[in-house]
Amino acid sequence: MIPELNYDSVENRMQSVGLALEELLVTAQKQDCLTIGIYESAKLFNADPDSVVLCVLACRPDDEDDVALQIHFTLLQSFCCDSGITILRVSGLQRLQQLLGSVDANRNQEEHRDLHCMLVTNPQADHCRLQEVGIYCQESRRLDQWVPELVLQER
């Protein structure tokens, strides 16, 4: 007999992990432990890959048609898997812009930051939110989800 899937508990778990990820990203940004942008992330991977504890790839539904972005994602995913770095794919780019600020101070005010890739580097070693996100990713991989996915809720 196959156990019945409790969708309420799955939804609650996803929401809890989403909130944990949001808190982790904001905390990492405040601690200067967050690298934002595909190019900046590639530079960090080249210079100090051992400092990376989490890679977050974010996209909008229409990004699926962006071949160059998908190639970048594939390369980043491969590097993370080869290096044992926890990786998580999220949708909800607008929510990330709300949380992390969408404008880069070094650029034109109308030019948005590239939030497609974010790397968390060595926040407080035992940050409970990092552990919660990591456990979710491990559980997802056990269920044959090679790159775990999460939907961030708009507020």
Foldseek 3Di string as FASTA:
>chain_A
DDDDDDVVVVVVLLQVLLVLVLVLQLLLVVVVQKQADLVRVVVCCVVPVPQFAEKEFEDEPVCVPVVVLVVSVVVVLVSCVVVVHAYAYEYDVVVVCVRPPFADPVDDRVHGTHRRMMTGGDDPVPSVSSVSNRVVSVVVVVVVPSHHYGYRDDD
